[in-house]
Amino acid sequence: MSEAVELDGWTHVNSGKVRDLYQSEDGRVLLMVTSDRISAYDYILPTEIPGKGLVLTGLSTWWMNKLDSIVGNHLLDEPVPAQVAGRAVVCKKLTMYPIECVVRGYLTGSGLAEYKQSGTVCEIRLPEGLTEASKLPEPIFTPAAKAELGEHDENISFERAADMVGRDVAAALRDTSIKLYSEAARIARERGVIIADTKFEFGVDPDNGELVLADEALTPDSSRFWPADQWVEGQVTPSFDKQYVRDWLTSEESGWDRASGEQPPRLPDRIVEATRQRYVDAYTLLTGQAPEPRNQPRQ
């Protein structure tokens, strides 16, 4: 796994699965650097995906600027160090909420697994007869409690979220998340992409107490992006994200037992390249540009 680089004028304060966080010398602002690391099944894989940090940073920035009429975001218009150009942003220091704000517009993944057992997703009752990739009657808010690094986020009910952050805050997180998803889904659909589900993270601006969109937004790491022309209800839809990596890790070829507790193996070159291309395709379809530092979209 790559180490966080040393950057003049910035102090490294934390590293997550993908991002490295720095603080300015005066403690006023943060620098969020997105690496090329990739995680799966709560492990940071030993193989990186070249250019992934560039794609995630550029796409998240593009979306935040597209959606800032719904809610403000953490971005500050300040320069980043040359060593991390194109894959870093300067951002506000916020007090973050300990909740992953997941919105689902289609039924798949863990939501489908729960629905098959109980007819619900995070205690939300859904119509009978739904199946893989079914479009939901309306988007639903299915929050998760954030876990420590290496642990798995826990799907929770709205009531549990309200217990954690207060009912008014939970309602604001729910309503804002659904608005963001609905508008993003409309924009993406016009570009031939279905956003099956996504997650947002929010914090509070300590200067004014306002809700702020933070971390990343609507990237292949935080969303399921499907090609609209390949979506068929009842069938698994190919996606522009790391599902390709997950599928290889759980295949016989990888030789890795997910339940073993051992670190996953290195990814073959062909899996790395196919995954990289999926990230690039998502970026290009949505923004209409190639993911290069000079093309970091601002609107």
Protein backbone atom coordinates (compact mmCIF):
# COMPACT_ATOMS: atom_id res chain seq x y z
CA MET A 1 0.00 0.00 0.00
CA SER A 2 1.31 3.46 -0.86
CA GLU A 3 2.33 5.70 2.01
CA ALA A 4 1.10 9.25 2.47
CA VAL A 5 3.58 11.64 0.85
CA GLU A 6 5.23 14.51 2.69
CA LEU A 7 3.89 17.88 1.56
CA ASP A 8 5.46 21.22 2.45
CA GLY A 9 3.13 23.34 4.55
CA TRP A 10 0.85 20.43 5.40
CA THR A 11 0.84 17.95 8.28
CA HIS A 12 -0.45 14.43 7.67
CA VAL A 13 -3.18 13.70 10.23
CA ASN A 14 -4.99 10.59 9.01
CA SER A 15 -5.23 7.97 6.27
CA GLY A 16 -8.29 5.95 5.32
CA LYS A 17 -8.75 3.15 2.83
CA VAL A 18 -8.33 5.50 -0.11
CA ARG A 19 -7.74 9.06 1.13
CA ASP A 20 -4.95 10.80 3.04
CA LEU A 21 -5.88 13.85 5.11
CA TYR A 22 -3.58 16.75 5.91
CA GLN A 23 -3.96 19.92 7.96
CA SER A 24 -2.51 23.32 7.14
CA GLU A 25 0.21 24.69 9.41
CA ASP A 26 -2.20 27.22 10.89
CA GLY A 27 -4.84 24.50 11.39
CA ARG A 28 -7.34 26.52 9.36
CA VAL A 29 -8.14 24.11 6.52
CA LEU A 30 -7.66 20.52 5.39
CA LEU A 31 -6.12 18.96 2.30
CA MET A 32 -7.79 15.75 1.15
CA VAL A 33 -5.64 13.65 -1.19
CA THR A 34 -7.19 10.73 -3.05
CA SER A 35 -4.76 7.91 -3.71
CA ASP A 36 -4.88 5.14 -6.30
CA ARG A 37 -5.53 2.58 -3.54
CA ILE A 38 -8.55 0.33 -3.86
CA SER A 39 -10.39 -1.54 -1.13
CA ALA A 40 -12.73 -4.51 -1.21
CA TYR A 41 -14.45 -6.50 1.50
CA ASP A 42 -12.97 -4.11 4.09
CA TYR A 43 -9.38 -4.80 3.00
CA ILE A 44 -7.00 -2.35 1.35
CA LEU A 45 -5.70 -4.33 -1.60
CA PRO A 46 -1.97 -4.61 -2.29
CA THR A 47 -2.46 -3.50 -5.91
CA GLU A 48 -3.33 0.07 -6.92
CA ILE A 49 -5.47 1.20 -9.86
CA PRO A 50 -3.48 3.80 -11.86
CA GLY A 51 -5.30 7.12 -12.22
CA LYS A 52 -8.09 6.18 -9.81
CA GLY A 53 -7.38 9.14 -7.51
CA LEU A 54 -7.63 11.52 -10.45
CA VAL A 55 -11.01 10.10 -11.47
CA LEU A 56 -12.49 10.17 -7.97
CA THR A 57 -11.33 13.71 -7.23
CA GLY A 58 -12.45 15.12 -10.55
CA LEU A 59 -15.83 13.41 -10.57
CA SER A 60 -16.63 14.26 -6.96
CA THR A 61 -15.71 17.90 -7.57
CA TRP A 62 -17.87 17.96 -10.70
CA TRP A 63 -20.88 16.60 -8.83
CA MET A 64 -20.46 18.90 -5.82
CA ASN A 65 -20.48 21.93 -8.07
CA LYS A 66 -23.46 20.59 -10.01
CA LEU A 67 -25.47 20.08 -6.82
CA ASP A 68 -24.44 23.04 -4.67
CA SER A 69 -27.86 24.65 -5.05
CA ILE A 70 -29.23 21.79 -2.92
CA VAL A 71 -26.58 21.86 -0.19
CA GLY A 72 -23.22 23.53 0.29
CA ASN A 73 -20.05 21.46 0.12
CA HIS A 74 -16.65 21.39 1.77
CA LEU A 75 -14.64 22.58 -1.26
CA LEU A 76 -12.47 25.70 -0.99
CA ASP A 77 -11.03 27.42 -4.06
CA GLU A 78 -7.41 27.23 -2.95
CA PRO A 79 -4.37 25.71 -4.70
CA VAL A 80 -3.03 22.26 -3.87
CA PRO A 81 0.64 21.16 -3.82
CA ALA A 82 2.06 20.27 -7.24
CA GLN A 83 2.85 16.70 -6.12
CA VAL A 84 -0.87 15.95 -5.75
CA ALA A 85 -2.32 18.13 -8.51
CA GLY A 86 -5.54 16.72 -9.91
CA ARG A 87 -6.15 14.34 -7.04
CA ALA A 88 -6.47 16.66 -4.06
CA VAL A 89 -8.78 19.39 -2.79
CA VAL A 90 -8.52 21.98 -0.06
CA CYS A 91 -11.60 21.81 2.11
CA LYS A 92 -13.31 23.16 5.21
CA LYS A 93 -12.80 21.58 8.60
CA LEU A 94 -16.14 20.17 9.65
CA THR A 95 -17.68 18.26 12.51
CA MET A 96 -18.66 15.06 10.74
CA TYR A 97 -21.77 12.98 11.42
CA PRO A 98 -21.05 9.27 12.12
CA ILE A 99 -23.56 8.10 9.51
CA GLU A 100 -23.21 6.95 5.92
CA CYS A 101 -26.22 8.45 4.14
CA VAL A 102 -27.14 5.74 1.65
CA VAL A 103 -29.89 6.29 -0.93
CA ARG A 104 -31.17 3.44 -3.08
CA GLY A 105 -33.15 3.87 -6.27
CA TYR A 106 -32.83 0.25 -7.38
CA LEU A 107 -32.77 -3.02 -5.49
CA THR A 108 -29.47 -4.91 -5.47
CA GLY A 109 -26.61 -5.93 -3.19
CA SER A 110 -27.23 -6.04 0.56
CA GLY A 111 -30.60 -4.35 0.07
CA LEU A 112 -31.80 -7.19 -2.12
CA ALA A 113 -30.48 -9.78 0.35
CA GLU A 114 -32.46 -8.20 3.20
CA TYR A 115 -35.57 -7.81 1.04
CA LYS A 116 -35.54 -11.51 0.16
CA GLN A 117 -35.54 -12.36 3.87
CA SER A 118 -38.00 -9.82 5.24
CA GLY A 119 -39.53 -7.74 2.46
CA THR A 120 -37.80 -4.69 3.94
CA VAL A 121 -34.58 -2.70 3.56
CA CYS A 122 -33.40 -1.05 6.79
CA GLU A 123 -36.91 -1.65 8.13
CA ILE A 124 -38.56 0.12 5.17
CA ARG A 125 -41.35 -2.08 3.81
CA LEU A 126 -41.17 -2.47 0.02
CA PRO A 127 -43.75 -3.80 -2.47
CA GLU A 128 -43.93 -7.53 -3.11
CA GLY A 129 -42.49 -9.07 -6.26
CA LEU A 130 -39.28 -7.06 -6.55
CA THR A 131 -36.13 -8.74 -7.80
CA GLU A 132 -32.53 -8.03 -8.78
CA ALA A 133 -32.20 -4.53 -10.31
CA SER A 134 -35.87 -3.61 -9.75
CA LYS A 135 -36.47 0.13 -9.84
CA LEU A 136 -38.01 1.22 -6.55
CA PRO A 137 -41.25 3.23 -6.56
CA GLU A 138 -39.24 6.11 -5.05
CA PRO A 139 -35.72 6.46 -3.67
CA ILE A 140 -35.29 5.26 -0.09
CA PHE A 141 -32.89 6.41 2.63
CA THR A 142 -31.07 3.44 4.18
CA PRO A 143 -28.37 4.78 6.50
CA ALA A 144 -25.36 2.92 7.85
CA ALA A 145 -23.31 3.46 10.97
CA LYS A 146 -19.69 4.24 10.10
CA ALA A 147 -17.21 1.60 11.15
CA GLU A 148 -13.55 1.84 12.11
CA LEU A 149 -10.96 1.20 9.40
CA GLY A 150 -11.01 -2.50 8.53
CA GLU A 151 -14.52 -3.02 9.87
CA HIS A 152 -17.80 -3.20 7.94
CA ASP A 153 -20.38 -0.40 8.07
CA GLU A 154 -23.62 -1.52 9.70
CA ASN A 155 -26.95 -0.92 7.99
CA ILE A 156 -29.30 0.77 10.45
CA SER A 157 -32.88 2.01 10.57
CA PHE A 158 -33.91 5.66 10.48
CA GLU A 159 -34.89 5.34 14.14
CA ARG A 160 -31.39 4.18 15.04
CA ALA A 161 -29.93 7.10 13.08
CA ALA A 162 -32.22 9.47 14.97
CA ASP A 163 -30.97 8.03 18.26
CA MET A 164 -27.39 8.68 17.14
CA VAL A 165 -27.66 12.27 15.89
CA GLY A 166 -31.12 13.51 16.91
CA ARG A 167 -34.38 13.30 15.00
CA ASP A 168 -34.19 16.73 13.37
CA VAL A 169 -30.65 16.11 12.12
CA ALA A 170 -31.54 12.62 10.90
CA ALA A 171 -34.51 14.04 8.98
CA ALA A 172 -32.29 16.72 7.42
CA LEU A 173 -29.73 14.09 6.40
CA ARG A 174 -32.47 11.92 4.90
CA ASP A 175 -34.22 14.69 3.00
CA THR A 176 -31.02 16.25 1.68
CA SER A 177 -29.61 12.89 0.62
CA ILE A 178 -32.76 11.99 -1.32
CA LYS A 179 -32.78 15.39 -3.03
CA LEU A 180 -29.13 14.99 -4.04
CA TYR A 181 -29.69 11.48 -5.32
CA SER A 182 -32.81 12.39 -7.28
CA GLU A 183 -31.15 15.29 -9.08
CA ALA A 184 -27.95 13.34 -9.72
CA ALA A 185 -29.95 10.38 -11.05
CA ARG A 186 -31.75 12.69 -13.47
CA ILE A 187 -28.48 14.20 -14.72
CA ALA A 188 -26.79 10.81 -15.05
CA ARG A 189 -29.77 9.25 -16.87
CA GLU A 190 -29.50 11.94 -19.54
CA ARG A 191 -25.91 10.77 -20.07
CA GLY A 192 -26.78 7.08 -20.31
CA VAL A 193 -25.91 6.14 -16.72
CA ILE A 194 -28.19 4.74 -14.01
CA ILE A 195 -27.22 5.49 -10.42
CA ALA A 196 -28.56 2.40 -8.68
CA ASP A 197 -27.51 3.61 -5.25
CA THR A 198 -25.00 5.93 -3.61
CA LYS A 199 -23.81 7.20 -0.25
CA PHE A 200 -23.11 10.68 1.05
CA GLU A 201 -21.32 12.00 4.10
CA PHE A 202 -22.16 15.26 5.83
CA GLY A 203 -20.72 17.49 8.48
CA VAL A 204 -21.53 20.74 10.25
CA ASP A 205 -19.73 23.98 9.45
CA PRO A 206 -18.55 25.17 12.90
CA ASP A 207 -18.71 28.80 11.74
CA ASN A 208 -22.43 28.86 10.98
CA GLY A 209 -23.91 25.48 12.00
CA GLU A 210 -24.99 24.67 8.43
CA LEU A 211 -25.16 21.18 6.95
CA VAL A 212 -22.31 20.58 4.48
CA LEU A 213 -21.68 17.81 1.95
CA ALA A 214 -18.18 16.37 2.50
CA ASP A 215 -15.74 13.57 1.71
CA GLU A 216 -16.72 12.38 -1.80
CA ALA A 217 -19.91 12.39 -3.81
CA LEU A 218 -21.27 10.15 -6.56
CA THR A 219 -18.06 8.39 -7.54
CA PRO A 220 -17.59 4.77 -8.62
CA ASP A 221 -16.27 4.08 -5.11
CA SER A 222 -19.37 5.41 -3.37
CA SER A 223 -22.03 4.48 -5.93
CA ARG A 224 -23.29 1.79 -8.25
CA PHE A 225 -23.24 3.18 -11.78
CA TRP A 226 -24.93 1.05 -14.44
CA PRO A 227 -24.96 1.56 -18.23
CA ALA A 228 -28.60 2.39 -18.92
CA ASP A 229 -28.67 0.44 -22.17
CA GLN A 230 -27.66 -2.78 -20.36
CA TRP A 231 -30.12 -2.61 -17.47
CA VAL A 232 -32.66 -5.44 -17.42
CA GLU A 233 -34.84 -6.05 -14.38
CA GLY A 234 -34.14 -9.47 -12.93
CA GLN A 235 -30.57 -9.60 -14.19
CA VAL A 236 -27.27 -8.48 -12.68
CA THR A 237 -26.21 -5.28 -14.47
CA PRO A 238 -22.53 -4.67 -15.31
CA SER A 239 -21.25 -1.68 -13.38
CA PHE A 240 -18.69 1.12 -13.63
CA ASP A 241 -17.13 0.40 -10.27
CA LYS A 242 -15.01 -2.06 -8.29
CA GLN A 243 -17.54 -4.90 -8.45
CA TYR A 244 -15.27 -6.33 -11.15
CA VAL A 245 -12.51 -6.56 -8.52
CA ARG A 246 -14.85 -8.11 -5.94
CA ASP A 247 -15.96 -10.73 -8.46
CA TRP A 248 -12.35 -11.72 -9.22
CA LEU A 249 -11.41 -11.89 -5.53
CA THR A 250 -14.23 -14.35 -4.85
CA SER A 251 -13.50 -16.45 -7.96
CA GLU A 252 -11.62 -19.75 -7.93
CA GLU A 253 -8.82 -18.12 -9.92
CA SER A 254 -7.85 -15.78 -7.07
CA GLY A 255 -7.51 -18.62 -4.58
CA TRP A 256 -8.58 -16.30 -1.77
CA ASP A 257 -11.03 -17.35 0.92
CA ARG A 258 -12.94 -14.30 2.09
CA ALA A 259 -13.58 -15.95 5.47
CA SER A 260 -9.92 -16.83 6.06
CA GLY A 261 -8.91 -13.54 7.64
CA GLU A 262 -5.91 -13.40 5.30
CA GLN A 263 -5.04 -10.42 3.14
CA PRO A 264 -6.33 -10.63 -0.45
CA PRO A 265 -3.82 -11.42 -3.22
CA ARG A 266 -2.40 -9.00 -5.75
CA LEU A 267 -4.63 -8.26 -8.73
CA PRO A 268 -3.54 -9.53 -12.17
CA ASP A 269 -2.63 -6.84 -14.70
CA ARG A 270 -5.74 -7.57 -16.80
CA ILE A 271 -8.02 -7.03 -13.77
CA VAL A 272 -6.21 -3.78 -12.94
CA GLU A 273 -6.59 -2.48 -16.50
CA ALA A 274 -10.25 -3.52 -16.83
CA THR A 275 -11.04 -1.85 -13.50
CA ARG A 276 -9.16 1.30 -14.46
CA GLN A 277 -11.12 1.49 -17.70
CA ARG A 278 -14.44 1.22 -15.86
CA TYR A 279 -13.54 4.23 -13.71
CA VAL A 280 -12.46 6.19 -16.78
CA ASP A 281 -15.65 5.26 -18.66
CA ALA A 282 -17.83 6.48 -15.79
CA TYR A 283 -15.97 9.79 -15.64
CA THR A 284 -16.08 10.33 -19.41
CA LEU A 285 -19.75 9.44 -19.81
CA LEU A 286 -20.85 11.73 -17.00
CA THR A 287 -18.59 14.76 -17.56
CA GLY A 288 -17.93 14.52 -21.30
CA GLN A 289 -14.20 14.97 -20.62
CA ALA A 290 -11.13 12.79 -20.18
CA PRO A 291 -9.85 12.43 -16.61
CA GLU A 292 -6.69 14.53 -16.84
CA PRO A 293 -5.42 17.14 -14.34
CA ARG A 294 -6.05 20.00 -16.77
CA ASN A 295 -9.63 18.78 -17.26
CA GLN A 296 -10.73 18.86 -13.65
CA PRO A 297 -14.34 20.00 -14.26
CA ARG A 298 -15.71 22.84 -12.18
CA GLN A 299 -19.31 22.90 -13.35
